Amino acid sequence: MAETKDAVIAQLHSRAAYAHTAAAYSHSTGDHAWAQELAKTALGASAEAVKYLEEITKETPLAIEA
């Protein structure tokens, strides 16, 4: 079953949030190298979500203002 566009965006944002949380934990334990990698993963997921959202907005017609 295909996921809805909203579900895909939510999943990407959730993945980014989880990676940010894991990065913060790694940083707090002193593992700065792993924290950096997790932060890069989070940034990538966030960027992917934004890109996907931009694609959706291009194909969605704008509402006509009254």
PDB file of N, CA and C in Angstrom:
ATOM      1  N   MET A   1       0.841  -1.180   0.000  1.00  0.00           N
ATOM      2  CA  MET A   1       0.000   0.000   0.000  1.00  0.00           C
ATOM      3  C   MET A   1       0.885   1.242   0.000  1.00  0.00           C
ATOM      4  N   ALA A   2       0.564   2.164  -0.872  1.00  0.00           N
ATOM      5  CA  ALA A   2       1.348   3.399  -0.970  1.00  0.00           C
ATOM      6  C   ALA A   2       1.037   4.316   0.207  1.00  0.00           C
ATOM      7  N   GLU A   3       2.080   4.982   0.679  1.00  0.00           N
ATOM      8  CA  GLU A   3       1.894   5.922   1.778  1.00  0.00           C
ATOM      9  C   GLU A   3       1.394   7.248   1.230  1.00  0.00           C
ATOM     10  N   THR A   4       0.651   7.972   2.059  1.00  0.00           N
ATOM     11  CA  THR A   4       0.223   9.293   1.644  1.00  0.00           C
ATOM     12  C   THR A   4       1.410  10.236   1.705  1.00  0.00           C
ATOM     13  N   LYS A   5       1.301  11.338   1.004  1.00  0.00           N
ATOM     14  CA  LYS A   5       2.383  12.320   0.992  1.00  0.00           C
ATOM     15  C   LYS A   5       2.634  12.865   2.393  1.00  0.00           C
ATOM     16  N   ASP A   6       1.555  13.084   3.131  1.00  0.00           N
ATOM     17  CA  ASP A   6       1.702  13.579   4.506  1.00  0.00           C
ATOM     18  C   ASP A   6       2.444  12.573   5.372  1.00  0.00           C
ATOM     19  N   ALA A   7       2.159  11.294   5.179  1.00  0.00           N
ATOM     20  CA  ALA A   7       2.814  10.257   5.976  1.00  0.00           C
ATOM     21  C   ALA A   7       4.306  10.186   5.663  1.00  0.00           C
ATOM     22  N   VAL A   8       4.661  10.368   4.395  1.00  0.00           N
ATOM     23  CA  VAL A   8       6.070  10.340   4.007  1.00  0.00           C
ATOM     24  C   VAL A   8       6.811  11.499   4.671  1.00  0.00           C
ATOM     25  N   ILE A   9       6.238  12.690   4.609  1.00  0.00           N
ATOM     26  CA  ILE A   9       6.865  13.864   5.228  1.00  0.00           C
ATOM     27  C   ILE A   9       6.981  13.674   6.731  1.00  0.00           C
ATOM     28  N   ALA A  10       5.937  13.171   7.358  1.00  0.00           N
ATOM     29  CA  ALA A  10       5.972  12.936   8.807  1.00  0.00           C
ATOM     30  C   ALA A  10       7.052  11.921   9.165  1.00  0.00           C
ATOM     31  N   GLN A  11       7.188  10.882   8.361  1.00  0.00           N
ATOM     32  CA  GLN A  11       8.208   9.866   8.621  1.00  0.00           C
ATOM     33  C   GLN A  11       9.612  10.456   8.494  1.00  0.00           C
ATOM     34  N   LEU A  12       9.830  11.291   7.492  1.00  0.00           N
ATOM     35  CA  LEU A  12      11.141  11.926   7.309  1.00  0.00           C
ATOM     36  C   LEU A  12      11.465  12.847   8.484  1.00  0.00           C
ATOM     37  N   HIS A  13      10.476  13.608   8.921  1.00  0.00           N
ATOM     38  CA  HIS A  13      10.702  14.495  10.066  1.00  0.00           C
ATOM     39  C   HIS A  13      10.937  13.694  11.349  1.00  0.00           C
ATOM     40  N   SER A  14      10.227  12.593  11.509  1.00  0.00           N
ATOM     41  CA  SER A  14      10.437  11.738  12.682  1.00  0.00           C
ATOM     42  C   SER A  14      11.836  11.141  12.687  1.00  0.00           C
ATOM     43  N   ARG A  15      12.297  10.728  11.515  1.00  0.00           N
ATOM     44  CA  ARG A  15      13.653  10.183  11.409  1.00  0.00           C
ATOM     45  C   ARG A  15      14.689  11.252  11.775  1.00  0.00           C
ATOM     46  N   ALA A  16      14.450  12.469  11.316  1.00  0.00           N
ATOM     47  CA  ALA A  16      15.365  13.569  11.642  1.00  0.00           C
ATOM     48  C   ALA A  16      15.345  13.860  13.141  1.00  0.00           C
ATOM     49  N   ALA A  17      14.161  13.871  13.732  1.00  0.00           N
ATOM     50  CA  ALA A  17      14.050  14.145  15.165  1.00  0.00           C
ATOM     51  C   ALA A  17      14.741  13.064  15.982  1.00  0.00           C
ATOM     52  N   TYR A  18      14.578  11.806  15.591  1.00  0.00           N
ATOM     53  CA  TYR A  18      15.232  10.712  16.301  1.00  0.00           C
ATOM     54  C   TYR A  18      16.747  10.840  16.200  1.00  0.00           C
ATOM     55  N   ALA A  19      17.238  11.174  15.003  1.00  0.00           N
ATOM     56  CA  ALA A  19      18.684  11.323  14.824  1.00  0.00           C
ATOM     57  C   ALA A  19      19.221  12.485  15.656  1.00  0.00           C
ATOM     58  N   HIS A  20      18.455  13.564  15.747  1.00  0.00           N
ATOM     59  CA  HIS A  20      18.874  14.695  16.582  1.00  0.00           C
ATOM     60  C   HIS A  20      18.947  14.294  18.052  1.00  0.00           C
ATOM     61  N   THR A  21      17.966  13.528  18.505  1.00  0.00           N
ATOM     62  CA  THR A  21      17.955  13.067  19.893  1.00  0.00           C
ATOM     63  C   THR A  21      19.141  12.148  20.168  1.00  0.00           C
ATOM     64  N   ALA A  22      19.391  11.232  19.246  1.00  0.00           N
ATOM     65  CA  ALA A  22      20.531  10.319  19.403  1.00  0.00           C
ATOM     66  C   ALA A  22      21.847  11.087  19.368  1.00  0.00           C
ATOM     67  N   ALA A  23      21.935  12.108  18.517  1.00  0.00           N
ATOM     68  CA  ALA A  23      23.153  12.926  18.448  1.00  0.00           C
ATOM     69  C   ALA A  23      23.377  13.671  19.759  1.00  0.00           C
ATOM     70  N   ALA A  24      22.309  14.203  20.322  1.00  0.00           N
ATOM     71  CA  ALA A  24      22.430  14.918  21.596  1.00  0.00           C
ATOM     72  C   ALA A  24      22.906  13.976  22.695  1.00  0.00           C
ATOM     73  N   TYR A  25      22.366  12.763  22.703  1.00  0.00           N
ATOM     74  CA  TYR A  25      22.791  11.790  23.706  1.00  0.00           C
ATOM     75  C   TYR A  25      24.264  11.430  23.519  1.00  0.00           C
ATOM     76  N   SER A  26      24.665  11.167  22.281  1.00  0.00           N
ATOM     77  CA  SER A  26      26.067  10.823  22.012  1.00  0.00           C
ATOM     78  C   SER A  26      26.990  11.959  22.423  1.00  0.00           C
ATOM     79  N   HIS A  27      26.565  13.161  22.154  1.00  0.00           N
ATOM     80  CA  HIS A  27      27.372  14.324  22.537  1.00  0.00           C
ATOM     81  C   HIS A  27      27.504  14.407  24.064  1.00  0.00           C
ATOM     82  N   SER A  28      26.397  14.126  24.753  1.00  0.00           N
ATOM     83  CA  SER A  28      26.430  14.216  26.221  1.00  0.00           C
ATOM     84  C   SER A  28      27.295  13.133  26.854  1.00  0.00           C
ATOM     85  N   THR A  29      27.499  12.021  26.143  1.00  0.00           N
ATOM     86  CA  THR A  29      28.352  10.949  26.670  1.00  0.00           C
ATOM     87  C   THR A  29      29.807  11.118  26.245  1.00  0.00           C
ATOM     88  N   GLY A  30      30.073  12.175  25.475  1.00  0.00           N
ATOM     89  CA  GLY A  30      31.439  12.455  25.075  1.00  0.00           C
ATOM     90  C   GLY A  30      31.848  11.869  23.741  1.00  0.00           C
ATOM     91  N   ASP A  31      30.922  11.195  23.062  1.00  0.00           N
ATOM     92  CA  ASP A  31      31.233  10.605  21.757  1.00  0.00           C
ATOM     93  C   ASP A  31      30.922  11.624  20.666  1.00  0.00           C
ATOM     94  N   HIS A  32      31.795  12.590  20.527  1.00  0.00           N
ATOM     95  CA  HIS A  32      31.537  13.711  19.634  1.00  0.00           C
ATOM     96  C   HIS A  32      31.584  13.318  18.157  1.00  0.00           C
ATOM     97  N   ALA A  33      32.418  12.351  17.805  1.00  0.00           N
ATOM     98  CA  ALA A  33      32.499  11.920  16.405  1.00  0.00           C
ATOM     99  C   ALA A  33      31.183  11.280  15.962  1.00  0.00           C
ATOM    100  N   TRP A  34      30.647  10.408  16.802  1.00  0.00           N
ATOM    101  CA  TRP A  34      29.370   9.752  16.460  1.00  0.00           C
ATOM    102  C   TRP A  34      28.239  10.766  16.487  1.00  0.00           C
ATOM    103  N   ALA A  35      28.289  11.705  17.411  1.00  0.00           N
ATOM    104  CA  ALA A  35      27.273  12.752  17.469  1.00  0.00           C
ATOM    105  C   ALA A  35      27.268  13.552  16.171  1.00  0.00           C
ATOM    106  N   GLN A  36      28.437  13.831  15.640  1.00  0.00           N
ATOM    107  CA  GLN A  36      28.551  14.572  14.378  1.00  0.00           C
ATOM    108  C   GLN A  36      27.918  13.783  13.231  1.00  0.00           C
ATOM    109  N   GLU A  37      28.172  12.488  13.187  1.00  0.00           N
ATOM    110  CA  GLU A  37      27.576  11.657  12.136  1.00  0.00           C
ATOM    111  C   GLU A  37      26.057  11.625  12.245  1.00  0.00           C
ATOM    112  N   LEU A  38      25.565  11.493  13.462  1.00  0.00           N
ATOM    113  CA  LEU A  38      24.113  11.486  13.659  1.00  0.00           C
ATOM    114  C   LEU A  38      23.492  12.831  13.297  1.00  0.00           C
ATOM    115  N   ALA A  39      24.182  13.914  13.591  1.00  0.00           N
ATOM    116  CA  ALA A  39      23.689  15.238  13.230  1.00  0.00           C
ATOM    117  C   ALA A  39      23.616  15.383  11.708  1.00  0.00           C
ATOM    118  N   LYS A  40      24.589  14.828  11.006  1.00  0.00           N
ATOM    119  CA  LYS A  40      24.561  14.854   9.537  1.00  0.00           C
ATOM    120  C   LYS A  40      23.374  14.051   9.006  1.00  0.00           C
ATOM    121  N   THR A  41      23.106  12.920   9.636  1.00  0.00           N
ATOM    122  CA  THR A  41      21.960  12.100   9.250  1.00  0.00           C
ATOM    123  C   THR A  41      20.666  12.874   9.458  1.00  0.00           C
ATOM    124  N   ALA A  42      20.561  13.556  10.583  1.00  0.00           N
ATOM    125  CA  ALA A  42      19.364  14.345  10.885  1.00  0.00           C
ATOM    126  C   ALA A  42      19.182  15.460   9.868  1.00  0.00           C
ATOM    127  N   LEU A  43      20.256  16.146   9.542  1.00  0.00           N
ATOM    128  CA  LEU A  43      20.184  17.222   8.562  1.00  0.00           C
ATOM    129  C   LEU A  43      19.752  16.682   7.203  1.00  0.00           C
ATOM    130  N   GLY A  44      20.281  15.535   6.831  1.00  0.00           N
ATOM    131  CA  GLY A  44      19.904  14.926   5.559  1.00  0.00           C
ATOM    132  C   GLY A  44      18.429  14.575   5.501  1.00  0.00           C
ATOM    133  N   ALA A  45      17.896  14.018   6.571  1.00  0.00           N
ATOM    134  CA  ALA A  45      16.477  13.663   6.607  1.00  0.00           C
ATOM    135  C   ALA A  45      15.605  14.915   6.571  1.00  0.00           C
ATOM    136  N   SER A  46      16.020  15.954   7.266  1.00  0.00           N
ATOM    137  CA  SER A  46      15.267  17.208   7.245  1.00  0.00           C
ATOM    138  C   SER A  46      15.269  17.819   5.853  1.00  0.00           C
ATOM    139  N   ALA A  47      16.429  17.814   5.209  1.00  0.00           N
ATOM    140  CA  ALA A  47      16.538  18.369   3.856  1.00  0.00           C
ATOM    141  C   ALA A  47      15.689  17.568   2.872  1.00  0.00           C
ATOM    142  N   GLU A  48      15.669  16.249   3.040  1.00  0.00           N
ATOM    143  CA  GLU A  48      14.861  15.390   2.174  1.00  0.00           C
ATOM    144  C   GLU A  48      13.373  15.695   2.351  1.00  0.00           C
ATOM    145  N   ALA A  49      12.951  15.919   3.590  1.00  0.00           N
ATOM    146  CA  ALA A  49      11.555  16.260   3.859  1.00  0.00           C
ATOM    147  C   ALA A  49      11.186  17.591   3.211  1.00  0.00           C
ATOM    148  N   VAL A  50      12.059  18.564   3.326  1.00  0.00           N
ATOM    149  CA  VAL A  50      11.795  19.878   2.728  1.00  0.00           C
ATOM    150  C   VAL A  50      11.715  19.763   1.207  1.00  0.00           C
ATOM    151  N   LYS A  51      12.635  19.014   0.614  1.00  0.00           N
ATOM    152  CA  LYS A  51      12.639  18.832  -0.837  1.00  0.00           C
ATOM    153  C   LYS A  51      11.347  18.162  -1.297  1.00  0.00           C
ATOM    154  N   TYR A  52      10.927  17.136  -0.585  1.00  0.00           N
ATOM    155  CA  TYR A  52       9.699  16.426  -0.916  1.00  0.00           C
ATOM    156  C   TYR A  52       8.498  17.355  -0.793  1.00  0.00           C
ATOM    157  N   LEU A  53       8.473  18.162   0.261  1.00  0.00           N
ATOM    158  CA  LEU A  53       7.377  19.099   0.465  1.00  0.00           C
ATOM    159  C   LEU A  53       7.336  20.139  -0.649  1.00  0.00           C
ATOM    160  N   GLU A  54       8.496  20.624  -1.083  1.00  0.00           N
ATOM    161  CA  GLU A  54       8.551  21.589  -2.185  1.00  0.00           C
ATOM    162  C   GLU A  54       8.007  20.981  -3.467  1.00  0.00           C
ATOM    163  N   GLU A  55       8.303  19.716  -3.716  1.00  0.00           N
ATOM    164  CA  GLU A  55       7.777  19.028  -4.901  1.00  0.00           C
ATOM    165  C   GLU A  55       6.252  18.942  -4.837  1.00  0.00           C
ATOM    166  N   ILE A  56       5.745  18.643  -3.670  1.00  0.00           N
ATOM    167  CA  ILE A  56       4.298  18.540  -3.505  1.00  0.00           C
ATOM    168  C   ILE A  56       3.630  19.890  -3.750  1.00  0.00           C
ATOM    169  N   THR A  57       4.218  20.953  -3.203  1.00  0.00           N
ATOM    170  CA  THR A  57       3.588  22.272  -3.354  1.00  0.00           C
ATOM    171  C   THR A  57       3.624  22.752  -4.802  1.00  0.00           C
ATOM    172  N   LYS A  58       4.597  22.303  -5.579  1.00  0.00           N
ATOM    173  CA  LYS A  58       4.652  22.686  -6.991  1.00  0.00           C
ATOM    174  C   LYS A  58       3.505  22.047  -7.780  1.00  0.00           C
ATOM    175  N   GLU A  59       3.126  20.842  -7.402  1.00  0.00           N
ATOM    176  CA  GLU A  59       2.074  20.141  -8.139  1.00  0.00           C
ATOM    177  C   GLU A  59       0.678  20.400  -7.589  1.00  0.00           C
ATOM    178  N   THR A  60       0.574  21.107  -6.462  1.00  0.00           N
ATOM    179  CA  THR A  60      -0.719  21.409  -5.862  1.00  0.00           C
ATOM    180  C   THR A  60      -1.144  22.802  -6.273  1.00  0.00           C
ATOM    181  N   PRO A  61      -2.314  22.957  -6.859  1.00  0.00           N
ATOM    182  CA  PRO A  61      -2.747  24.300  -7.278  1.00  0.00           C
ATOM    183  C   PRO A  61      -2.974  25.212  -6.073  1.00  0.00           C
ATOM    184  N   LEU A  62      -2.702  26.475  -6.281  1.00  0.00           N
ATOM    185  CA  LEU A  62      -2.906  27.457  -5.220  1.00  0.00           C
ATOM    186  C   LEU A  62      -4.390  27.747  -5.056  1.00  0.00           C
ATOM    187  N   ALA A  63      -4.802  28.038  -3.851  1.00  0.00           N
ATOM    188  CA  ALA A  63      -6.193  28.402  -3.596  1.00  0.00           C
ATOM    189  C   ALA A  63      -6.447  29.795  -4.162  1.00  0.00           C
ATOM    190  N   ILE A  64      -7.620  29.977  -4.698  1.00  0.00           N
ATOM    191  CA  ILE A  64      -7.997  31.280  -5.244  1.00  0.00           C
ATOM    192  C   ILE A  64      -8.564  32.125  -4.108  1.00  0.00           C
ATOM    193  N   GLU A  65      -7.947  33.312  -3.936  1.00  0.00           N
ATOM    194  CA  GLU A  65      -8.415  34.198  -2.869  1.00  0.00           C
ATOM    195  C   GLU A  65      -9.678  34.915  -3.302  1.00  0.00           C
ATOM    196  N   ALA A  66     -10.621  35.039  -2.403  1.00  0.00           N
ATOM    197  CA  ALA A  66     -11.895  35.710  -2.708  1.00  0.00           C
ATOM    198  C   ALA A  66     -11.800  37.192  -2.530  1.00  0.00           C
TER     199      ALA A  66
END
